[in-house]
Amino acid sequence: MREDEQPLSGGNVSDGVVRIGDTVRRPAGPWTPAVHALLTHLHEAGFHAAPRPLGIDDQGREVLTFVPGAVIWPDRFALVEPTVGLVRVARLVRDFHDAVKDFTPPPDARWQVLVPAEGADIIAHQDLAPWNLVVGGEEEWAFIDWDTAAPGSRLWDVAYAIRGFVPLSAHPDWRSPDAAARLRLFADAYGLDETERRTLVPMLGRRTRAMHDFLRDQSDRGHQPWARLWAEGHGDAWRGDAEYMEERQERWKRALLSG
C-alpha cells in the first residue's frame, strides 16, 4: 500500500477500499464500466448525491470522488429520526429515481446482480440503506457504494430503503414505536400514488426476505464475504425483520392508505 493511501472501513464489504487525497480507489469488476456510465449520467442529469467516476488507476482500481462526511449507521442515525431527516432521505431517493429514468445502459453493460429484483423499470441502487448514506455539511448528503446497482424497480429500491430508514425492524434496539407514521411520512415525501402503496405493502417483507435467502444460499456455497455475514447472524436479522413486516401488513396498509 502506498504511503498516501488511507484504508476506509465501514459497511460489511470494504476490503481494498482506500482514500487518496480527494479520491476513493476501489477494486473494479466487470460491472464497473456500466456503473461509471450510470454515475456519469446521474451527474449530467443534475443528481449530485453520488460519487463522480474518474476512471481506472494504474493498479486497475476504479477511481471515484471522495464524498466528505460520515456514514450515519449506526452512530449518527439520529440525523434521520427527526421528520425533516427522514423526509430528506425519501426525497433524495426520489431525486435519484427521477434522474435515472432516462438512463440508457451501454449495449455491453454487465451488472453485479446479487438479489434478482422484481421489475426492471430502472437501474436501481439495490442497497439504499443507512450504511450507504454519507452526511457531511448541510448540502452534502450522498449515497455511496453503487457497485451492486442493477436492473430493478423503483418500488424494489423503496422497499429496501424503508426497511433501513424508517426503520421496520424486529430488533428491540431499532424497532420504532411510530413505525407506521414514519412509513407514511416516507411514502408521502417520496410521492407514492395509491396503486404503488398497495403494491408496496406485501413487497416490504419479500424484499427483506430476499436478503435472508441470498445470504443463506451464498453461505451454503461458501462464498465470501457472505458466508461470514451469515455466520455473524445477519441472515437471522433479515429473516426476523421480514417476519415483523409480514405479520403487520394490515397495519402498514392502514398507515399508507388512510386519509
C-alpha atoms as a PDB file:
ATOM      1  CA  MET A   1       0.000   0.000   0.000  1.00  0.00           C
ATOM      2  CA  ARG A   2       1.269   3.461  -0.888  1.00  0.00           C
ATOM      3  CA  GLU A   3       2.090   5.818   1.949  1.00  0.00           C
ATOM      4  CA  ASP A   4      -0.664   8.205   0.890  1.00  0.00           C
ATOM      5  CA  GLU A   5      -3.353   5.501   0.924  1.00  0.00           C
ATOM      6  CA  GLN A   6      -5.811   5.620   3.814  1.00  0.00           C
ATOM      7  CA  PRO A   7      -7.878   2.427   4.238  1.00  0.00           C
ATOM      8  CA  LEU A   8     -11.602   3.105   4.502  1.00  0.00           C
ATOM      9  CA  SER A   9     -13.729   0.915   6.731  1.00  0.00           C
ATOM     10  CA  GLY A  10     -17.428   0.770   7.444  1.00  0.00           C
ATOM     11  CA  GLY A  11     -20.128  -1.316   5.897  1.00  0.00           C
ATOM     12  CA  ASN A  12     -19.856  -5.058   5.521  1.00  0.00           C
ATOM     13  CA  VAL A  13     -17.835  -5.239   2.311  1.00  0.00           C
ATOM     14  CA  SER A  14     -14.976  -2.730   2.281  1.00  0.00           C
ATOM     15  CA  ASP A  15     -11.826  -4.776   1.635  1.00  0.00           C
ATOM     16  CA  GLY A  16      -9.386  -2.945  -0.607  1.00  0.00           C
ATOM     17  CA  VAL A  17     -11.178   0.418  -0.431  1.00  0.00           C
ATOM     18  CA  VAL A  18      -8.765   3.302   0.185  1.00  0.00           C
ATOM     19  CA  ARG A  19      -8.717   7.070   0.057  1.00  0.00           C
ATOM     20  CA  ILE A  20      -6.005   9.010  -1.752  1.00  0.00           C
ATOM     21  CA  GLY A  21      -6.479  12.751  -1.404  1.00  0.00           C
ATOM     22  CA  ASP A  22      -9.916  13.655  -2.699  1.00  0.00           C
ATOM     23  CA  THR A  23     -10.426  10.296  -4.401  1.00  0.00           C
ATOM     24  CA  VAL A  24     -11.526   6.811  -3.411  1.00  0.00           C
ATOM     25  CA  ARG A  25      -9.984   3.729  -5.010  1.00  0.00           C
ATOM     26  CA  ARG A  26     -11.992   0.501  -5.037  1.00  0.00           C
ATOM     27  CA  PRO A  27     -11.493  -2.935  -6.597  1.00  0.00           C
ATOM     28  CA  ALA A  28     -13.030  -2.893 -10.070  1.00  0.00           C
ATOM     29  CA  GLY A  29     -15.064  -5.643 -11.677  1.00  0.00           C
ATOM     30  CA  PRO A  30     -16.841  -6.478 -14.945  1.00  0.00           C
ATOM     31  CA  TRP A  31     -19.696  -4.225 -13.795  1.00  0.00           C
ATOM     32  CA  THR A  32     -17.509  -1.129 -13.290  1.00  0.00           C
ATOM     33  CA  PRO A  33     -17.888   0.404 -16.792  1.00  0.00           C
ATOM     34  CA  ALA A  34     -21.685   0.205 -16.552  1.00  0.00           C
ATOM     35  CA  VAL A  35     -21.697   1.668 -13.033  1.00  0.00           C
ATOM     36  CA  HIS A  36     -19.449   4.527 -14.184  1.00  0.00           C
ATOM     37  CA  ALA A  37     -21.790   5.203 -17.085  1.00  0.00           C
ATOM     38  CA  LEU A  38     -24.678   5.308 -14.604  1.00  0.00           C
ATOM     39  CA  LEU A  39     -22.900   7.714 -12.245  1.00  0.00           C
ATOM     40  CA  THR A  40     -21.873   9.954 -15.140  1.00  0.00           C
ATOM     41  CA  HIS A  41     -25.482  10.090 -16.310  1.00  0.00           C
ATOM     42  CA  LEU A  42     -26.734  10.986 -12.820  1.00  0.00           C
ATOM     43  CA  HIS A  43     -24.373  13.940 -12.560  1.00  0.00           C
ATOM     44  CA  GLU A  44     -25.242  15.112 -16.055  1.00  0.00           C
ATOM     45  CA  ALA A  45     -28.927  14.888 -15.095  1.00  0.00           C
ATOM     46  CA  GLY A  46     -28.307  17.119 -12.074  1.00  0.00           C
ATOM     47  CA  PHE A  47     -28.214  14.454  -9.354  1.00  0.00           C
ATOM     48  CA  HIS A  48     -25.029  15.088  -7.403  1.00  0.00           C
ATOM     49  CA  ALA A  49     -25.726  12.994  -4.287  1.00  0.00           C
ATOM     50  CA  ALA A  50     -23.376  10.278  -5.520  1.00  0.00           C
ATOM     51  CA  PRO A  51     -19.659   9.967  -6.222  1.00  0.00           C
ATOM     52  CA  ARG A  52     -18.415  11.071  -9.626  1.00  0.00           C
ATOM     53  CA  PRO A  53     -16.433   8.439 -11.565  1.00  0.00           C
ATOM     54  CA  LEU A  54     -12.874   9.365 -12.540  1.00  0.00           C
ATOM     55  CA  GLY A  55     -11.749   6.263 -14.411  1.00  0.00           C
ATOM     56  CA  ILE A  56      -9.339   3.447 -13.565  1.00  0.00           C
ATOM     57  CA  ASP A  57      -5.921   3.872 -11.909  1.00  0.00           C
ATOM     58  CA  ASP A  58      -2.626   2.167 -12.764  1.00  0.00           C
ATOM     59  CA  GLN A  59      -3.466  -0.675 -10.380  1.00  0.00           C
ATOM     60  CA  GLY A  60      -6.747  -1.425 -12.123  1.00  0.00           C
ATOM     61  CA  ARG A  61      -8.879   0.077  -9.372  1.00  0.00           C
ATOM     62  CA  GLU A  62     -11.870   2.285 -10.059  1.00  0.00           C
ATOM     63  CA  VAL A  63     -11.394   5.915  -9.059  1.00  0.00           C
ATOM     64  CA  LEU A  64     -14.257   7.952  -7.622  1.00  0.00           C
ATOM     65  CA  THR A  65     -14.536  11.348  -5.996  1.00  0.00           C
ATOM     66  CA  PHE A  66     -14.369  11.164  -2.213  1.00  0.00           C
ATOM     67  CA  VAL A  67     -17.660  12.094  -0.539  1.00  0.00           C
ATOM     68  CA  PRO A  68     -16.856  14.095   2.630  1.00  0.00           C
ATOM     69  CA  GLY A  69     -18.724  13.361   5.820  1.00  0.00           C
ATOM     70  CA  ALA A  70     -19.589  10.269   7.845  1.00  0.00           C
ATOM     71  CA  VAL A  71     -21.820   7.272   7.254  1.00  0.00           C
ATOM     72  CA  ILE A  72     -24.842   7.652   9.522  1.00  0.00           C
ATOM     73  CA  TRP A  73     -25.084   3.997  10.603  1.00  0.00           C
ATOM     74  CA  PRO A  74     -25.136   3.368  13.462  1.00  0.00           C
ATOM     75  CA  ASP A  75     -23.732   6.281  15.454  1.00  0.00           C
ATOM     76  CA  ARG A  76     -25.385   9.141  13.554  1.00  0.00           C
ATOM     77  CA  PHE A  77     -28.723   7.542  12.799  1.00  0.00           C
ATOM     78  CA  ALA A  78     -30.421  10.244  14.859  1.00  0.00           C
ATOM     79  CA  LEU A  79     -29.953  12.525  11.843  1.00  0.00           C
ATOM     80  CA  VAL A  80     -32.850  10.751  10.121  1.00  0.00           C
ATOM     81  CA  GLU A  81     -35.003  10.259  13.205  1.00  0.00           C
ATOM     82  CA  PRO A  82     -36.460  13.791  13.139  1.00  0.00           C
ATOM     83  CA  THR A  83     -39.130  14.037  10.469  1.00  0.00           C
ATOM     84  CA  VAL A  84     -37.064  16.510   8.474  1.00  0.00           C
ATOM     85  CA  GLY A  85     -34.247  13.975   8.107  1.00  0.00           C
ATOM     86  CA  LEU A  86     -36.485  11.113   7.038  1.00  0.00           C
ATOM     87  CA  VAL A  87     -38.260  13.366   4.533  1.00  0.00           C
ATOM     88  CA  ARG A  88     -34.909  14.391   3.103  1.00  0.00           C
ATOM     89  CA  VAL A  89     -33.882  10.768   2.590  1.00  0.00           C
ATOM     90  CA  ALA A  90     -37.164   9.935   0.843  1.00  0.00           C
ATOM     91  CA  ARG A  91     -36.815  12.911  -1.469  1.00  0.00           C
ATOM     92  CA  LEU A  92     -33.197  12.031  -2.170  1.00  0.00           C
ATOM     93  CA  VAL A  93     -34.282   8.552  -3.236  1.00  0.00           C
ATOM     94  CA  ARG A  94     -36.994  10.081  -5.452  1.00  0.00           C
ATOM     95  CA  ASP A  95     -34.498  12.523  -6.978  1.00  0.00           C
ATOM     96  CA  PHE A  96     -32.248   9.588  -7.868  1.00  0.00           C
ATOM     97  CA  HIS A  97     -35.112   7.650  -9.424  1.00  0.00           C
ATOM     98  CA  ASP A  98     -36.196  10.683 -11.440  1.00  0.00           C
ATOM     99  CA  ALA A  99     -32.635  11.220 -12.663  1.00  0.00           C
ATOM    100  CA  VAL A 100     -32.058   7.586 -13.625  1.00  0.00           C
ATOM    101  CA  LYS A 101     -35.311   7.029 -15.528  1.00  0.00           C
ATOM    102  CA  ASP A 102     -33.816   8.306 -18.810  1.00  0.00           C
ATOM    103  CA  PHE A 103     -30.547   6.391 -18.442  1.00  0.00           C
ATOM    104  CA  THR A 104     -29.730   4.043 -21.306  1.00  0.00           C
ATOM    105  CA  PRO A 105     -27.111   1.489 -20.222  1.00  0.00           C
ATOM    106  CA  PRO A 106     -24.216   0.763 -22.571  1.00  0.00           C
ATOM    107  CA  PRO A 107     -25.033  -2.059 -25.010  1.00  0.00           C
ATOM    108  CA  ASP A 108     -22.367  -4.259 -23.382  1.00  0.00           C
ATOM    109  CA  ALA A 109     -23.373  -3.385 -19.804  1.00  0.00           C
ATOM    110  CA  ARG A 110     -22.708  -6.023 -17.174  1.00  0.00           C
ATOM    111  CA  TRP A 111     -24.170  -5.637 -13.700  1.00  0.00           C
ATOM    112  CA  GLN A 112     -23.340  -7.273 -10.379  1.00  0.00           C
ATOM    113  CA  VAL A 113     -26.709  -8.822  -9.597  1.00  0.00           C
ATOM    114  CA  LEU A 114     -26.840 -10.131  -6.038  1.00  0.00           C
ATOM    115  CA  VAL A 115     -30.587 -10.381  -5.428  1.00  0.00           C
ATOM    116  CA  PRO A 116     -32.834 -10.717  -8.507  1.00  0.00           C
ATOM    117  CA  ALA A 117     -35.274  -7.819  -8.479  1.00  0.00           C
ATOM    118  CA  GLU A 118     -38.992  -7.644  -9.054  1.00  0.00           C
ATOM    119  CA  GLY A 119     -39.384  -5.471 -12.124  1.00  0.00           C
ATOM    120  CA  ALA A 120     -36.793  -3.687 -14.217  1.00  0.00           C
ATOM    121  CA  ASP A 121     -38.081  -0.198 -14.979  1.00  0.00           C
ATOM    122  CA  ILE A 122     -34.838   1.471 -13.836  1.00  0.00           C
ATOM    123  CA  ILE A 123     -31.268   0.733 -12.903  1.00  0.00           C
ATOM    124  CA  ALA A 124     -31.769   0.594  -9.146  1.00  0.00           C
ATOM    125  CA  HIS A 125     -29.132   1.217  -6.488  1.00  0.00           C
ATOM    126  CA  GLN A 126     -30.166  -2.031  -4.733  1.00  0.00           C
ATOM    127  CA  ASP A 127     -28.608  -1.031  -1.378  1.00  0.00           C
ATOM    128  CA  LEU A 128     -30.170   2.274  -0.312  1.00  0.00           C
ATOM    129  CA  ALA A 129     -29.527   1.920   3.395  1.00  0.00           C
ATOM    130  CA  PRO A 130     -28.153   3.906   6.347  1.00  0.00           C
ATOM    131  CA  TRP A 131     -24.741   2.258   5.941  1.00  0.00           C
ATOM    132  CA  ASN A 132     -24.517   3.805   2.468  1.00  0.00           C
ATOM    133  CA  LEU A 133     -25.694   7.333   3.325  1.00  0.00           C
ATOM    134  CA  VAL A 134     -22.904   9.839   3.963  1.00  0.00           C
ATOM    135  CA  VAL A 135     -23.792  13.106   5.676  1.00  0.00           C
ATOM    136  CA  GLY A 136     -21.357  15.996   5.563  1.00  0.00           C
ATOM    137  CA  GLY A 137     -22.458  19.609   5.637  1.00  0.00           C
ATOM    138  CA  GLU A 138     -25.993  20.882   5.221  1.00  0.00           C
ATOM    139  CA  GLU A 139     -25.966  20.263   1.455  1.00  0.00           C
ATOM    140  CA  GLU A 140     -23.723  17.203   1.471  1.00  0.00           C
ATOM    141  CA  TRP A 141     -25.931  14.139   1.762  1.00  0.00           C
ATOM    142  CA  ALA A 142     -24.984  11.392  -0.674  1.00  0.00           C
ATOM    143  CA  PHE A 143     -25.409   7.693  -1.334  1.00  0.00           C
ATOM    144  CA  ILE A 144     -22.248   5.660  -1.870  1.00  0.00           C
ATOM    145  CA  ASP A 145     -21.409   2.064  -2.854  1.00  0.00           C
ATOM    146  CA  TRP A 146     -23.054   1.856  -6.268  1.00  0.00           C
ATOM    147  CA  ASP A 147     -21.200  -1.286  -7.353  1.00  0.00           C
ATOM    148  CA  THR A 148     -24.285  -3.501  -6.957  1.00  0.00           C
ATOM    149  CA  ALA A 149     -26.531  -1.198  -8.993  1.00  0.00           C
ATOM    150  CA  ALA A 150     -28.506  -3.326 -11.422  1.00  0.00           C
ATOM    151  CA  PRO A 151     -31.855  -3.519 -13.222  1.00  0.00           C
ATOM    152  CA  GLY A 152     -34.721  -3.287 -10.756  1.00  0.00           C
ATOM    153  CA  SER A 153     -37.770  -1.218  -9.970  1.00  0.00           C
ATOM    154  CA  ARG A 154     -38.427   1.974  -8.074  1.00  0.00           C
ATOM    155  CA  LEU A 155     -40.587   0.119  -5.548  1.00  0.00           C
ATOM    156  CA  TRP A 156     -37.908  -2.554  -5.067  1.00  0.00           C
ATOM    157  CA  ASP A 157     -35.472   0.210  -4.095  1.00  0.00           C
ATOM    158  CA  VAL A 158     -38.079   1.977  -1.954  1.00  0.00           C
ATOM    159  CA  ALA A 159     -38.985  -1.190  -0.042  1.00  0.00           C
ATOM    160  CA  TYR A 160     -35.336  -1.758   0.818  1.00  0.00           C
ATOM    161  CA  ALA A 161     -34.799   1.871   1.838  1.00  0.00           C
ATOM    162  CA  ILE A 162     -37.859   1.826   4.101  1.00  0.00           C
ATOM    163  CA  ARG A 163     -36.583  -1.196   5.997  1.00  0.00           C
ATOM    164  CA  GLY A 164     -33.419   0.679   6.933  1.00  0.00           C
ATOM    165  CA  PHE A 165     -34.509   4.286   7.278  1.00  0.00           C
ATOM    166  CA  VAL A 166     -37.934   4.068   8.946  1.00  0.00           C
ATOM    167  CA  PRO A 167     -36.745   1.531  10.210  1.00  0.00           C
ATOM    168  CA  LEU A 168     -39.013  -1.501  10.030  1.00  0.00           C
ATOM    169  CA  SER A 169     -37.057  -3.768  12.321  1.00  0.00           C
ATOM    170  CA  ALA A 170     -37.790  -6.569  14.756  1.00  0.00           C
ATOM    171  CA  HIS A 171     -34.663  -5.767  16.747  1.00  0.00           C
ATOM    172  CA  PRO A 172     -35.621  -4.134  20.062  1.00  0.00           C
ATOM    173  CA  ASP A 173     -32.807  -1.581  19.755  1.00  0.00           C
ATOM    174  CA  TRP A 174     -34.063  -0.362  16.357  1.00  0.00           C
ATOM    175  CA  ARG A 175     -37.792  -1.008  16.437  1.00  0.00           C
ATOM    176  CA  SER A 176     -39.526   2.328  16.022  1.00  0.00           C
ATOM    177  CA  PRO A 177     -42.645   2.892  18.159  1.00  0.00           C
ATOM    178  CA  ASP A 178     -44.003   5.211  15.461  1.00  0.00           C
ATOM    179  CA  ALA A 179     -43.002   2.992  12.532  1.00  0.00           C
ATOM    180  CA  ALA A 180     -46.392   3.260  10.839  1.00  0.00           C
ATOM    181  CA  ALA A 181     -46.359   7.055  10.953  1.00  0.00           C
ATOM    182  CA  ARG A 182     -42.781   7.162   9.684  1.00  0.00           C
ATOM    183  CA  LEU A 183     -43.678   4.758   6.877  1.00  0.00           C
ATOM    184  CA  ARG A 184     -46.496   7.100   5.830  1.00  0.00           C
ATOM    185  CA  LEU A 185     -44.157  10.078   6.028  1.00  0.00           C
ATOM    186  CA  PHE A 186     -41.596   8.369   3.773  1.00  0.00           C
ATOM    187  CA  ALA A 187     -44.242   7.379   1.231  1.00  0.00           C
ATOM    188  CA  ASP A 188     -45.707  10.887   1.180  1.00  0.00           C
ATOM    189  CA  ALA A 189     -42.299  12.539   0.796  1.00  0.00           C
ATOM    190  CA  TYR A 190     -41.316  10.155  -1.985  1.00  0.00           C
ATOM    191  CA  GLY A 191     -44.649  10.682  -3.737  1.00  0.00           C
ATOM    192  CA  LEU A 192     -46.106   7.177  -3.980  1.00  0.00           C
ATOM    193  CA  ASP A 193     -49.564   7.002  -5.507  1.00  0.00           C
ATOM    194  CA  GLU A 194     -52.327   4.724  -4.194  1.00  0.00           C
ATOM    195  CA  THR A 195     -51.559   1.862  -6.564  1.00  0.00           C
ATOM    196  CA  GLU A 196     -47.883   1.959  -5.640  1.00  0.00           C
ATOM    197  CA  ARG A 197     -48.734   1.954  -1.932  1.00  0.00           C
ATOM    198  CA  ARG A 198     -50.909  -1.139  -2.304  1.00  0.00           C
ATOM    199  CA  THR A 199     -48.155  -2.883  -4.244  1.00  0.00           C
ATOM    200  CA  LEU A 200     -45.501  -1.836  -1.726  1.00  0.00           C
ATOM    201  CA  VAL A 201     -47.093  -3.373   1.377  1.00  0.00           C
ATOM    202  CA  PRO A 202     -46.502  -7.074   0.559  1.00  0.00           C
ATOM    203  CA  MET A 203     -43.221  -6.211  -1.158  1.00  0.00           C
ATOM    204  CA  LEU A 204     -41.726  -4.955   2.106  1.00  0.00           C
ATOM    205  CA  GLY A 205     -41.465  -8.459   3.520  1.00  0.00           C
ATOM    206  CA  ARG A 206     -40.484 -10.065   0.209  1.00  0.00           C
ATOM    207  CA  ARG A 207     -37.631  -7.630  -0.383  1.00  0.00           C
ATOM    208  CA  THR A 208     -36.303  -8.189   3.117  1.00  0.00           C
ATOM    209  CA  ARG A 209     -36.681 -11.968   2.965  1.00  0.00           C
ATOM    210  CA  ALA A 210     -34.814 -11.958  -0.354  1.00  0.00           C
ATOM    211  CA  MET A 211     -31.724 -10.730   1.505  1.00  0.00           C
ATOM    212  CA  HIS A 212     -32.020 -13.573   4.014  1.00  0.00           C
ATOM    213  CA  ASP A 213     -32.314 -16.103   1.193  1.00  0.00           C
ATOM    214  CA  PHE A 214     -29.342 -14.594  -0.640  1.00  0.00           C
ATOM    215  CA  LEU A 215     -27.086 -14.825   2.418  1.00  0.00           C
ATOM    216  CA  ARG A 216     -28.243 -18.380   3.150  1.00  0.00           C
ATOM    217  CA  ASP A 217     -27.561 -19.533  -0.406  1.00  0.00           C
ATOM    218  CA  GLN A 218     -24.170 -17.840  -0.584  1.00  0.00           C
ATOM    219  CA  SER A 219     -23.184 -19.311   2.769  1.00  0.00           C
ATOM    220  CA  ASP A 220     -24.176 -22.787   1.592  1.00  0.00           C
ATOM    221  CA  ARG A 221     -21.801 -22.295  -1.344  1.00  0.00           C
ATOM    222  CA  GLY A 222     -19.008 -20.995   0.893  1.00  0.00           C
ATOM    223  CA  HIS A 223     -18.866 -17.654  -0.915  1.00  0.00           C
ATOM    224  CA  GLN A 224     -17.255 -14.777   0.969  1.00  0.00           C
ATOM    225  CA  PRO A 225     -17.907 -12.292   2.469  1.00  0.00           C
ATOM    226  CA  TRP A 226     -21.485 -13.563   2.562  1.00  0.00           C
ATOM    227  CA  ALA A 227     -20.659 -16.769   4.451  1.00  0.00           C
ATOM    228  CA  ARG A 228     -19.014 -14.668   7.162  1.00  0.00           C
ATOM    229  CA  LEU A 229     -22.043 -12.380   7.386  1.00  0.00           C
ATOM    230  CA  TRP A 230     -24.331 -15.390   7.644  1.00  0.00           C
ATOM    231  CA  ALA A 231     -22.197 -16.840  10.452  1.00  0.00           C
ATOM    232  CA  GLU A 232     -22.349 -13.485  12.255  1.00  0.00           C
ATOM    233  CA  GLY A 233     -26.138 -13.637  12.315  1.00  0.00           C
ATOM    234  CA  HIS A 234     -27.040 -11.198   9.540  1.00  0.00           C
ATOM    235  CA  GLY A 235     -29.359 -13.771   7.993  1.00  0.00           C
ATOM    236  CA  ASP A 236     -31.283 -14.081  11.251  1.00  0.00           C
ATOM    237  CA  ALA A 237     -31.693 -10.295  11.345  1.00  0.00           C
ATOM    238  CA  TRP A 238     -33.089 -10.151   7.819  1.00  0.00           C
ATOM    239  CA  ARG A 239     -35.467 -13.053   8.499  1.00  0.00           C
ATOM    240  CA  GLY A 240     -36.647 -11.502  11.761  1.00  0.00           C
ATOM    241  CA  ASP A 241     -37.324  -8.184  10.062  1.00  0.00           C
ATOM    242  CA  ALA A 242     -39.187  -9.916   7.226  1.00  0.00           C
ATOM    243  CA  GLU A 243     -41.429 -11.723   9.707  1.00  0.00           C
ATOM    244  CA  TYR A 244     -42.020  -8.459  11.592  1.00  0.00           C
ATOM    245  CA  MET A 245     -43.148  -6.768   8.381  1.00  0.00           C
ATOM    246  CA  GLU A 246     -45.280  -9.670   7.177  1.00  0.00           C
ATOM    247  CA  GLU A 247     -47.131 -10.003  10.480  1.00  0.00           C
ATOM    248  CA  ARG A 248     -48.075  -6.299  10.374  1.00  0.00           C
ATOM    249  CA  GLN A 249     -49.179  -5.908   6.752  1.00  0.00           C
ATOM    250  CA  GLU A 250     -52.625  -4.653   7.724  1.00  0.00           C
ATOM    251  CA  ARG A 251     -51.033  -2.005   9.925  1.00  0.00           C
ATOM    252  CA  TRP A 252     -48.819  -0.779   7.091  1.00  0.00           C
ATOM    253  CA  LYS A 253     -51.773  -0.777   4.706  1.00  0.00           C
ATOM    254  CA  ARG A 254     -53.855   1.341   7.069  1.00  0.00           C
ATOM    255  CA  ALA A 255     -50.984   3.775   7.554  1.00  0.00           C
ATOM    256  CA  LEU A 256     -50.372   4.168   3.826  1.00  0.00           C
ATOM    257  CA  LEU A 257     -53.967   4.346   2.629  1.00  0.00           C
ATOM    258  CA  SER A 258     -55.810   6.180   5.394  1.00  0.00           C
ATOM    259  CA  GLY A 259     -56.860   9.799   4.967  1.00  0.00           C
END
